[in-house]
């Protein structure tokens, strides 16, 4: 968790809510995360609420958190800043 301080641990997943200026910016972020997720073949649960996007990550087939989750979290953080 040290490498992703803005994320929180909840049971067997990590999650973070990002806030953007508007819906269009939020959707641009979701699309950027989608591209990164496809590249990694690891897909987050995504909740979109107008300008807020919450990502939840866990490795379902492993029954909890793996290195894949933390790597995609870092990639999502990078997508949020551009």
Protein backbone atom coordinates (compact mmCIF):
# COMPACT_ATOMS: atom_id res chain seq x y z
CA UNK A 1 0.00 0.00 0.00
CA UNK A 2 3.01 2.29 0.35
CA UNK A 3 3.27 2.64 -3.43
CA UNK A 4 -0.42 3.55 -3.78
CA UNK A 5 -1.19 5.75 -0.73
CA UNK A 6 -4.45 7.16 -2.13
CA UNK A 7 -5.99 3.68 -2.30
CA UNK A 8 -7.74 1.96 0.56
CA UNK A 9 -7.77 -1.69 1.52
CA UNK A 10 -11.20 -3.22 2.04
CA UNK A 11 -11.47 -6.95 2.69
CA UNK A 12 -9.89 -8.61 -0.37
CA UNK A 13 -9.74 -5.59 -2.64
CA UNK A 14 -8.24 -2.15 -3.02
CA UNK A 15 -10.27 0.84 -4.10
CA UNK A 16 -9.99 4.50 -4.91
CA UNK A 17 -12.40 7.23 -5.97
CA UNK A 18 -11.12 9.83 -8.42
CA UNK A 19 -12.85 13.19 -8.95
CA UNK A 20 -12.77 15.12 -12.21
CA UNK A 21 -14.02 18.53 -13.36
CA UNK A 22 -16.94 17.02 -15.29
CA UNK A 23 -18.47 13.89 -16.81
CA UNK A 24 -16.45 14.11 -20.03
CA UNK A 25 -13.17 14.17 -18.11
CA UNK A 26 -14.33 11.25 -15.96
CA UNK A 27 -15.17 9.24 -19.07
CA UNK A 28 -11.81 10.06 -20.67
CA UNK A 29 -10.16 8.63 -17.53
CA UNK A 30 -12.35 5.49 -17.68
CA UNK A 31 -11.33 4.95 -21.30
CA UNK A 32 -7.65 5.41 -20.43
CA UNK A 33 -7.99 2.86 -17.62
CA UNK A 34 -9.81 0.49 -19.98
CA UNK A 35 -6.88 0.56 -22.40
CA UNK A 36 -4.40 -0.12 -19.61
CA UNK A 37 -6.59 -2.90 -18.21
CA UNK A 38 -6.84 -4.58 -21.60
CA UNK A 39 -3.06 -4.40 -22.03
CA UNK A 40 -2.64 -6.02 -18.61
CA UNK A 41 -5.53 -8.49 -19.12
CA UNK A 42 -6.72 -7.45 -15.67
CA UNK A 43 -10.01 -5.58 -15.36
CA UNK A 44 -11.27 -3.42 -12.49
CA UNK A 45 -14.82 -2.99 -11.28
CA UNK A 46 -15.75 0.58 -12.26
CA UNK A 47 -18.46 2.78 -10.75
CA UNK A 48 -19.15 6.10 -12.50
CA UNK A 49 -21.11 8.89 -10.77
CA UNK A 50 -21.04 11.98 -13.00
CA UNK A 51 -17.57 13.38 -12.21
CA UNK A 52 -16.47 10.64 -9.80
CA UNK A 53 -15.02 7.28 -10.78
CA UNK A 54 -14.40 4.52 -8.26
CA UNK A 55 -12.13 1.64 -9.17
CA UNK A 56 -12.08 -1.59 -7.21
CA UNK A 57 -9.35 -4.12 -7.84
CA UNK A 58 -8.96 -7.75 -6.84
CA UNK A 59 -7.79 -10.87 -8.62
CA UNK A 60 -10.96 -12.95 -8.60
CA UNK A 61 -9.37 -16.16 -9.85
CA UNK A 62 -6.76 -15.96 -7.07
CA UNK A 63 -9.29 -15.15 -4.36
CA UNK A 64 -7.78 -11.83 -3.36
CA UNK A 65 -5.06 -9.31 -4.02
CA UNK A 66 -2.03 -10.00 -6.21
CA UNK A 67 0.73 -7.96 -7.79
CA UNK A 68 -1.58 -7.43 -10.80
CA UNK A 69 -3.90 -5.31 -8.67
CA UNK A 70 -1.19 -3.03 -7.38
CA UNK A 71 0.34 -2.59 -10.84
CA UNK A 72 -3.01 -1.65 -12.38
CA UNK A 73 -3.64 0.75 -9.47
CA UNK A 74 -0.36 2.52 -10.28
CA UNK A 75 -1.30 2.64 -13.98
CA UNK A 76 -4.71 4.11 -13.10
CA UNK A 77 -3.05 6.76 -10.94
CA UNK A 78 -0.79 7.66 -13.86
CA UNK A 79 -3.82 7.92 -16.17
CA UNK A 80 -5.50 10.31 -13.73
CA UNK A 81 -2.70 12.85 -14.06
CA UNK A 82 -2.44 12.63 -17.79
